[in-house]
PDB file of N, CA and C in Angstrom:
ATOM      1  N   MET A   1      95.150 -61.241 144.536  1.00  0.00           N
ATOM      2  CA  MET A   1      96.095 -62.057 144.154  1.00  0.00           C
ATOM      3  C   MET A   1      97.471 -61.990 145.227  1.00  0.00           C
ATOM      4  N   HIS A   2      98.503 -61.659 144.942  1.00  0.00           N
ATOM      5  CA  HIS A   2      99.488 -61.532 146.060  1.00  0.00           C
ATOM      6  C   HIS A   2     100.095 -60.120 146.528  1.00  0.00           C
ATOM      7  N   THR A   3      99.163 -59.011 145.911  1.00  0.00           N
ATOM      8  CA  THR A   3      99.741 -57.789 145.753  1.00  0.00           C
ATOM      9  C   THR A   3      99.926 -57.260 147.373  1.00  0.00           C
ATOM     10  N   THR A   4      98.802 -57.686 148.114  1.00  0.00           N
ATOM     11  CA  THR A   4      98.790 -56.991 149.623  1.00  0.00           C
ATOM     12  C   THR A   4      99.758 -57.665 150.482  1.00  0.00           C
ATOM     13  N   LYS A   5     100.293 -58.805 150.258  1.00  0.00           N
ATOM     14  CA  LYS A   5     101.395 -59.492 151.095  1.00  0.00           C
ATOM     15  C   LYS A   5     102.617 -58.585 150.607  1.00  0.00           C
ATOM     16  N   VAL A   6     102.623 -58.593 149.315  1.00  0.00           N
ATOM     17  CA  VAL A   6     104.114 -57.951 148.661  1.00  0.00           C
ATOM     18  C   VAL A   6     104.095 -56.474 149.119  1.00  0.00           C
ATOM     19  N   LEU A   7     102.997 -55.691 149.298  1.00  0.00           N
ATOM     20  CA  LEU A   7     103.136 -54.650 149.772  1.00  0.00           C
ATOM     21  C   LEU A   7     103.402 -54.292 151.227  1.00  0.00           C
ATOM     22  N   GLU A   8     102.820 -55.363 152.182  1.00  0.00           N
ATOM     23  CA  GLU A   8     102.850 -55.210 153.393  1.00  0.00           C
ATOM     24  C   GLU A   8     104.494 -55.745 153.636  1.00  0.00           C
ATOM     25  N   TYR A   9     105.060 -56.584 152.788  1.00  0.00           N
ATOM     26  CA  TYR A   9     106.459 -56.929 153.181  1.00  0.00           C
ATOM     27  C   TYR A   9     107.483 -55.697 152.565  1.00  0.00           C
ATOM     28  N   LEU A  10     106.984 -55.031 151.711  1.00  0.00           N
ATOM     29  CA  LEU A  10     107.805 -53.780 151.315  1.00  0.00           C
ATOM     30  C   LEU A  10     107.811 -52.658 152.429  1.00  0.00           C
ATOM     31  N   LYS A  11     106.513 -52.878 152.914  1.00  0.00           N
ATOM     32  CA  LYS A  11     106.568 -51.705 153.890  1.00  0.00           C
ATOM     33  C   LYS A  11     107.343 -52.178 155.565  1.00  0.00           C
ATOM     34  N   LYS A  12     107.514 -53.411 155.632  1.00  0.00           N
ATOM     35  CA  LYS A  12     108.084 -53.589 156.727  1.00  0.00           C
ATOM     36  C   LYS A  12     109.628 -53.834 156.416  1.00  0.00           C
ATOM     37  N   HIS A  13     110.093 -54.138 155.163  1.00  0.00           N
ATOM     38  CA  HIS A  13     111.440 -54.212 155.057  1.00  0.00           C
ATOM     39  C   HIS A  13     112.097 -53.352 153.927  1.00  0.00           C
ATOM     40  N   GLY A  14     111.401 -52.262 153.509  1.00  0.00           N
ATOM     41  CA  GLY A  14     111.924 -51.253 152.817  1.00  0.00           C
ATOM     42  C   GLY A  14     112.397 -51.489 151.684  1.00  0.00           C
ATOM     43  N   GLN A  15     113.214 -51.098 150.802  1.00  0.00           N
ATOM     44  CA  GLN A  15     113.788 -51.368 149.212  1.00  0.00           C
ATOM     45  C   GLN A  15     114.357 -52.640 149.121  1.00  0.00           C
ATOM     46  N   LEU A  16     113.683 -53.393 148.374  1.00  0.00           N
ATOM     47  CA  LEU A  16     114.304 -54.749 147.887  1.00  0.00           C
ATOM     48  C   LEU A  16     114.112 -55.248 146.563  1.00  0.00           C
ATOM     49  N   LEU A  17     114.564 -56.051 145.984  1.00  0.00           N
ATOM     50  CA  LEU A  17     114.993 -56.675 145.060  1.00  0.00           C
ATOM     51  C   LEU A  17     113.742 -57.655 144.916  1.00  0.00           C
ATOM     52  N   ASP A  18     113.136 -57.873 143.519  1.00  0.00           N
ATOM     53  CA  ASP A  18     112.122 -58.832 143.299  1.00  0.00           C
ATOM     54  C   ASP A  18     112.563 -60.092 143.793  1.00  0.00           C
ATOM     55  N   PHE A  19     113.698 -60.629 143.522  1.00  0.00           N
ATOM     56  CA  PHE A  19     113.911 -62.128 143.870  1.00  0.00           C
ATOM     57  C   PHE A  19     114.241 -62.209 145.408  1.00  0.00           C
ATOM     58  N   ASP A  20     114.451 -61.265 145.876  1.00  0.00           N
ATOM     59  CA  ASP A  20     114.693 -61.137 147.689  1.00  0.00           C
ATOM     60  C   ASP A  20     113.071 -61.315 148.221  1.00  0.00           C
ATOM     61  N   ILE A  21     112.037 -60.624 147.581  1.00  0.00           N
ATOM     62  CA  ILE A  21     110.634 -60.598 148.195  1.00  0.00           C
ATOM     63  C   ILE A  21     110.222 -61.979 147.652  1.00  0.00           C
ATOM     64  N   ALA A  22     110.472 -62.534 146.556  1.00  0.00           N
ATOM     65  CA  ALA A  22     109.854 -63.820 146.193  1.00  0.00           C
ATOM     66  C   ALA A  22     110.289 -64.875 147.066  1.00  0.00           C
ATOM     67  N   ALA A  23     111.683 -64.902 147.689  1.00  0.00           N
ATOM     68  CA  ALA A  23     112.391 -66.029 148.242  1.00  0.00           C
ATOM     69  C   ALA A  23     111.962 -65.881 149.620  1.00  0.00           C
ATOM     70  N   ALA A  24     111.494 -64.593 150.310  1.00  0.00           N
ATOM     71  CA  ALA A  24     111.143 -64.449 151.647  1.00  0.00           C
ATOM     72  C   ALA A  24     109.715 -64.659 151.878  1.00  0.00           C
ATOM     73  N   THR A  25     108.844 -64.168 150.889  1.00  0.00           N
ATOM     74  CA  THR A  25     107.462 -64.829 151.084  1.00  0.00           C
ATOM     75  C   THR A  25     107.009 -66.035 150.390  1.00  0.00           C
ATOM     76  N   ASN A  26     107.957 -66.748 149.785  1.00  0.00           N
ATOM     77  CA  ASN A  26     107.307 -67.926 149.240  1.00  0.00           C
ATOM     78  C   ASN A  26     106.594 -67.751 148.224  1.00  0.00           C
ATOM     79  N   ILE A  27     106.295 -66.760 147.457  1.00  0.00           N
ATOM     80  CA  ILE A  27     105.542 -66.460 146.130  1.00  0.00           C
ATOM     81  C   ILE A  27     106.226 -66.787 145.113  1.00  0.00           C
ATOM     82  N   SER A  28     106.086 -67.230 143.871  1.00  0.00           N
ATOM     83  CA  SER A  28     106.953 -67.443 142.766  1.00  0.00           C
ATOM     84  C   SER A  28     107.414 -66.255 142.275  1.00  0.00           C
ATOM     85  N   LEU A  29     108.446 -66.010 141.629  1.00  0.00           N
ATOM     86  CA  LEU A  29     109.021 -64.692 140.770  1.00  0.00           C
ATOM     87  C   LEU A  29     108.059 -63.995 139.994  1.00  0.00           C
ATOM     88  N   GLU A  30     107.096 -64.799 139.281  1.00  0.00           N
ATOM     89  CA  GLU A  30     106.179 -64.341 138.047  1.00  0.00           C
ATOM     90  C   GLU A  30     105.372 -63.898 139.048  1.00  0.00           C
ATOM     91  N   ASN A  31     104.642 -64.505 140.006  1.00  0.00           N
ATOM     92  CA  ASN A  31     103.738 -63.654 140.684  1.00  0.00           C
ATOM     93  C   ASN A  31     104.086 -62.392 141.321  1.00  0.00           C
ATOM     94  N   VAL A  32     105.314 -62.262 141.939  1.00  0.00           N
ATOM     95  CA  VAL A  32     105.803 -61.293 142.652  1.00  0.00           C
ATOM     96  C   VAL A  32     105.962 -60.009 141.561  1.00  0.00           C
ATOM     97  N   ARG A  33     106.516 -60.480 140.416  1.00  0.00           N
ATOM     98  CA  ARG A  33     106.819 -59.366 139.296  1.00  0.00           C
ATOM     99  C   ARG A  33     105.474 -58.886 139.063  1.00  0.00           C
ATOM    100  N   ALA A  34     104.387 -59.808 138.867  1.00  0.00           N
ATOM    101  CA  ALA A  34     103.038 -59.387 138.264  1.00  0.00           C
ATOM    102  C   ALA A  34     102.285 -58.265 139.494  1.00  0.00           C
ATOM    103  N   SER A  35     102.525 -58.620 140.835  1.00  0.00           N
ATOM    104  CA  SER A  35     102.316 -57.676 141.785  1.00  0.00           C
ATOM    105  C   SER A  35     102.877 -56.292 141.701  1.00  0.00           C
ATOM    106  N   LEU A  36     104.060 -56.541 141.667  1.00  0.00           N
ATOM    107  CA  LEU A  36     104.955 -55.346 141.653  1.00  0.00           C
ATOM    108  C   LEU A  36     104.701 -54.426 140.394  1.00  0.00           C
ATOM    109  N   THR A  37     104.138 -54.963 139.346  1.00  0.00           N
ATOM    110  CA  THR A  37     103.747 -53.987 138.086  1.00  0.00           C
ATOM    111  C   THR A  37     102.538 -53.738 138.436  1.00  0.00           C
ATOM    112  N   GLU A  38     101.670 -54.152 139.138  1.00  0.00           N
ATOM    113  CA  GLU A  38     100.361 -53.560 139.488  1.00  0.00           C
ATOM    114  C   GLU A  38     100.530 -52.562 140.671  1.00  0.00           C
ATOM    115  N   LEU A  39     101.256 -52.705 141.480  1.00  0.00           N
ATOM    116  CA  LEU A  39     101.361 -51.922 142.555  1.00  0.00           C
ATOM    117  C   LEU A  39     102.102 -50.476 142.166  1.00  0.00           C
ATOM    118  N   SER A  40     102.925 -50.773 140.787  1.00  0.00           N
ATOM    119  CA  SER A  40     103.647 -49.770 140.332  1.00  0.00           C
ATOM    120  C   SER A  40     102.548 -48.724 139.427  1.00  0.00           C
ATOM    121  N   GLU A  41     101.960 -49.498 138.835  1.00  0.00           N
ATOM    122  CA  GLU A  41     100.824 -48.956 138.106  1.00  0.00           C
ATOM    123  C   GLU A  41      99.816 -48.062 139.026  1.00  0.00           C
ATOM    124  N   ARG A  42      99.436 -48.271 139.912  1.00  0.00           N
ATOM    125  CA  ARG A  42      98.574 -47.739 141.221  1.00  0.00           C
ATOM    126  C   ARG A  42      99.399 -46.575 141.784  1.00  0.00           C
ATOM    127  N   GLY A  43     100.409 -46.593 141.703  1.00  0.00           N
ATOM    128  CA  GLY A  43     101.612 -45.691 142.198  1.00  0.00           C
ATOM    129  C   GLY A  43     101.593 -45.882 143.851  1.00  0.00           C
ATOM    130  N   ASP A  44     101.473 -47.171 144.193  1.00  0.00           N
ATOM    131  CA  ASP A  44     101.922 -47.399 145.672  1.00  0.00           C
ATOM    132  C   ASP A  44     103.554 -47.689 145.733  1.00  0.00           C
ATOM    133  N   ILE A  45     104.144 -47.929 144.593  1.00  0.00           N
ATOM    134  CA  ILE A  45     105.407 -48.272 144.851  1.00  0.00           C
ATOM    135  C   ILE A  45     106.408 -47.473 143.561  1.00  0.00           C
ATOM    136  N   SER A  46     107.654 -47.401 143.847  1.00  0.00           N
ATOM    137  CA  SER A  46     108.337 -47.081 142.773  1.00  0.00           C
ATOM    138  C   SER A  46     109.340 -48.394 142.339  1.00  0.00           C
ATOM    139  N   LYS A  47     109.439 -48.503 141.078  1.00  0.00           N
ATOM    140  CA  LYS A  47     110.080 -49.573 140.491  1.00  0.00           C
ATOM    141  C   LYS A  47     111.106 -49.207 139.388  1.00  0.00           C
ATOM    142  N   CYS A  48     112.311 -49.797 139.610  1.00  0.00           N
ATOM    143  CA  CYS A  48     113.283 -49.620 138.399  1.00  0.00           C
ATOM    144  C   CYS A  48     113.899 -50.850 138.091  1.00  0.00           C
ATOM    145  N   SER A  49     114.414 -51.087 136.729  1.00  0.00           N
ATOM    146  CA  SER A  49     115.204 -52.462 136.354  1.00  0.00           C
ATOM    147  C   SER A  49     116.421 -52.280 136.912  1.00  0.00           C
ATOM    148  N   VAL A  50     116.889 -53.386 137.247  1.00  0.00           N
ATOM    149  CA  VAL A  50     118.370 -53.479 137.780  1.00  0.00           C
ATOM    150  C   VAL A  50     119.018 -54.634 137.254  1.00  0.00           C
ATOM    151  N   THR A  51     120.369 -54.760 136.813  1.00  0.00           N
ATOM    152  CA  THR A  51     120.905 -55.847 136.233  1.00  0.00           C
ATOM    153  C   THR A  51     122.223 -56.199 137.455  1.00  0.00           C
ATOM    154  N   SER A  52     121.964 -57.241 137.876  1.00  0.00           N
ATOM    155  CA  SER A  52     123.204 -57.773 138.936  1.00  0.00           C
ATOM    156  C   SER A  52     123.735 -58.959 138.382  1.00  0.00           C
ATOM    157  N   TYR A  53     125.011 -58.948 138.863  1.00  0.00           N
ATOM    158  CA  TYR A  53     125.825 -60.420 138.268  1.00  0.00           C
ATOM    159  C   TYR A  53     126.373 -61.125 139.260  1.00  0.00           C
ATOM    160  N   VAL A  54     125.622 -62.378 139.237  1.00  0.00           N
ATOM    161  CA  VAL A  54     125.841 -63.239 140.180  1.00  0.00           C
ATOM    162  C   VAL A  54     126.865 -64.366 139.509  1.00  0.00           C
ATOM    163  N   LYS A  55     127.743 -64.583 140.127  1.00  0.00           N
ATOM    164  CA  LYS A  55     128.976 -65.561 139.409  1.00  0.00           C
ATOM    165  C   LYS A  55     129.184 -65.071 138.006  1.00  0.00           C
ATOM    166  N   GLY A  56     129.334 -63.894 137.530  1.00  0.00           N
ATOM    167  CA  GLY A  56     129.842 -63.384 136.457  1.00  0.00           C
ATOM    168  C   GLY A  56     128.436 -63.540 135.358  1.00  0.00           C
ATOM    169  N   LYS A  57     127.414 -63.920 135.873  1.00  0.00           N
ATOM    170  CA  LYS A  57     125.991 -64.174 135.116  1.00  0.00           C
ATOM    171  C   LYS A  57     125.207 -62.991 135.089  1.00  0.00           C
ATOM    172  N   ALA A  58     124.954 -62.477 134.458  1.00  0.00           N
ATOM    173  CA  ALA A  58     123.834 -61.301 134.346  1.00  0.00           C
ATOM    174  C   ALA A  58     122.247 -61.713 134.799  1.00  0.00           C
ATOM    175  N   VAL A  59     121.807 -61.033 135.740  1.00  0.00           N
ATOM    176  CA  VAL A  59     120.434 -61.397 136.334  1.00  0.00           C
ATOM    177  C   VAL A  59     119.734 -60.005 136.207  1.00  0.00           C
ATOM    178  N   GLU A  60     118.415 -59.967 135.386  1.00  0.00           N
ATOM    179  CA  GLU A  60     117.664 -58.862 135.357  1.00  0.00           C
ATOM    180  C   GLU A  60     116.418 -59.196 136.489  1.00  0.00           C
ATOM    181  N   GLY A  61     116.093 -57.819 136.971  1.00  0.00           N
ATOM    182  CA  GLY A  61     115.256 -57.673 137.951  1.00  0.00           C
ATOM    183  C   GLY A  61     114.756 -56.496 138.256  1.00  0.00           C
ATOM    184  N   PHE A  62     113.751 -56.378 139.483  1.00  0.00           N
ATOM    185  CA  PHE A  62     113.367 -54.996 139.831  1.00  0.00           C
ATOM    186  C   PHE A  62     113.827 -54.581 141.041  1.00  0.00           C
ATOM    187  N   GLN A  63     114.029 -53.237 141.187  1.00  0.00           N
ATOM    188  CA  GLN A  63     114.041 -52.720 142.616  1.00  0.00           C
ATOM    189  C   GLN A  63     113.091 -52.049 142.893  1.00  0.00           C
ATOM    190  N   CYS A  64     112.580 -52.267 144.357  1.00  0.00           N
ATOM    191  CA  CYS A  64     111.371 -51.574 144.408  1.00  0.00           C
ATOM    192  C   CYS A  64     111.268 -50.881 145.780  1.00  0.00           C
ATOM    193  N   ARG A  65     110.669 -49.997 145.993  1.00  0.00           N
ATOM    194  CA  ARG A  65     110.436 -49.387 147.514  1.00  0.00           C
ATOM    195  C   ARG A  65     108.794 -48.701 147.510  1.00  0.00           C
ATOM    196  N   LEU A  66     108.784 -48.177 148.601  1.00  0.00           N
ATOM    197  CA  LEU A  66     107.369 -47.481 148.675  1.00  0.00           C
ATOM    198  C   LEU A  66     107.397 -46.302 147.977  1.00  0.00           C
ATOM    199  N   SER A  67     106.525 -45.781 147.475  1.00  0.00           N
ATOM    200  CA  SER A  67     106.472 -44.439 146.662  1.00  0.00           C
ATOM    201  C   SER A  67     106.310 -43.398 147.794  1.00  0.00           C
ATOM    202  N   GLY A  68     107.232 -42.285 147.718  1.00  0.00           N
ATOM    203  CA  GLY A  68     107.210 -41.190 148.785  1.00  0.00           C
ATOM    204  C   GLY A  68     108.201 -41.578 149.632  1.00  0.00           C
ATOM    205  N   PHE A  69     108.679 -42.652 149.888  1.00  0.00           N
ATOM    206  CA  PHE A  69     109.886 -43.028 150.932  1.00  0.00           C
ATOM    207  C   PHE A  69     110.981 -42.581 150.451  1.00  0.00           C
ATOM    208  N   ILE A  70     111.814 -41.886 151.383  1.00  0.00           N
ATOM    209  CA  ILE A  70     113.154 -41.179 151.279  1.00  0.00           C
ATOM    210  C   ILE A  70     113.997 -42.090 152.354  1.00  0.00           C
ATOM    211  N   PRO A  71     114.812 -43.149 151.829  1.00  0.00           N
ATOM    212  CA  PRO A  71     115.859 -43.626 153.028  1.00  0.00           C
ATOM    213  C   PRO A  71     116.737 -42.433 153.783  1.00  0.00           C
ATOM    214  N   ARG A  72     116.999 -42.916 155.006  1.00  0.00           N
ATOM    215  CA  ARG A  72     117.737 -42.089 155.897  1.00  0.00           C
ATOM    216  C   ARG A  72     119.130 -42.235 155.260  1.00  0.00           C
ATOM    217  N   PRO A  73     119.887 -41.139 155.518  1.00  0.00           N
ATOM    218  CA  PRO A  73     121.311 -40.943 155.088  1.00  0.00           C
ATOM    219  C   PRO A  73     122.185 -41.912 155.735  1.00  0.00           C
ATOM    220  N   ALA A  74     123.071 -42.452 154.994  1.00  0.00           N
ATOM    221  CA  ALA A  74     123.749 -43.504 155.742  1.00  0.00           C
ATOM    222  C   ALA A  74     124.725 -42.561 156.702  1.00  0.00           C
ATOM    223  N   PRO A  75     125.138 -43.692 157.878  1.00  0.00           N
ATOM    224  CA  PRO A  75     125.885 -43.003 158.811  1.00  0.00           C
ATOM    225  C   PRO A  75     127.210 -42.734 158.514  1.00  0.00           C
ATOM    226  N   GLY A  76     127.736 -42.010 159.323  1.00  0.00           N
ATOM    227  CA  GLY A  76     129.284 -41.383 158.869  1.00  0.00           C
ATOM    228  C   GLY A  76     129.611 -40.020 158.771  1.00  0.00           C
ATOM    229  N   ARG A  77     130.431 -39.768 158.365  1.00  0.00           N
ATOM    230  CA  ARG A  77     130.828 -38.503 158.005  1.00  0.00           C
ATOM    231  C   ARG A  77     130.459 -38.006 156.603  1.00  0.00           C
ATOM    232  N   LYS A  78     130.007 -36.741 156.554  1.00  0.00           N
ATOM    233  CA  LYS A  78     129.394 -36.206 155.213  1.00  0.00           C
ATOM    234  C   LYS A  78     130.406 -35.404 154.630  1.00  0.00           C
ATOM    235  N   PRO A  79     130.518 -35.293 153.266  1.00  0.00           N
ATOM    236  CA  PRO A  79     131.580 -34.136 152.736  1.00  0.00           C
ATOM    237  C   PRO A  79     130.989 -32.721 153.283  1.00  0.00           C
ATOM    238  N   GLY A  80     131.922 -31.922 153.632  1.00  0.00           N
ATOM    239  CA  GLY A  80     131.342 -30.320 153.812  1.00  0.00           C
ATOM    240  C   GLY A  80     130.898 -29.630 152.707  1.00  0.00           C
ATOM    241  N   VAL A  81     130.126 -28.743 153.226  1.00  0.00           N
ATOM    242  CA  VAL A  81     129.629 -27.746 152.061  1.00  0.00           C
ATOM    243  C   VAL A  81     130.535 -26.635 151.896  1.00  0.00           C
ATOM    244  N   LYS A  82     130.993 -26.426 150.786  1.00  0.00           N
ATOM    245  CA  LYS A  82     131.885 -25.204 150.508  1.00  0.00           C
ATOM    246  C   LYS A  82     131.319 -24.175 149.636  1.00  0.00           C
TER     247      LYS A  82
END
């Protein structure tokens, strides 16, 4: 199916929402969600449900990233350890 293309896109671009992946890869949202579910079951990615609000309307989706991937800390000052 489209699992290889979705996995490669996540490897290249990091943590993304399912509808962002669908828009960028020109794959239908249903196919992207099916691919993400398969990748999550295999343990290749981490997936969690999110609710975003677009113009006051709730939009359900998945946020995904590669398993074992830890994002770099955000730039800037960090609170001191006391």
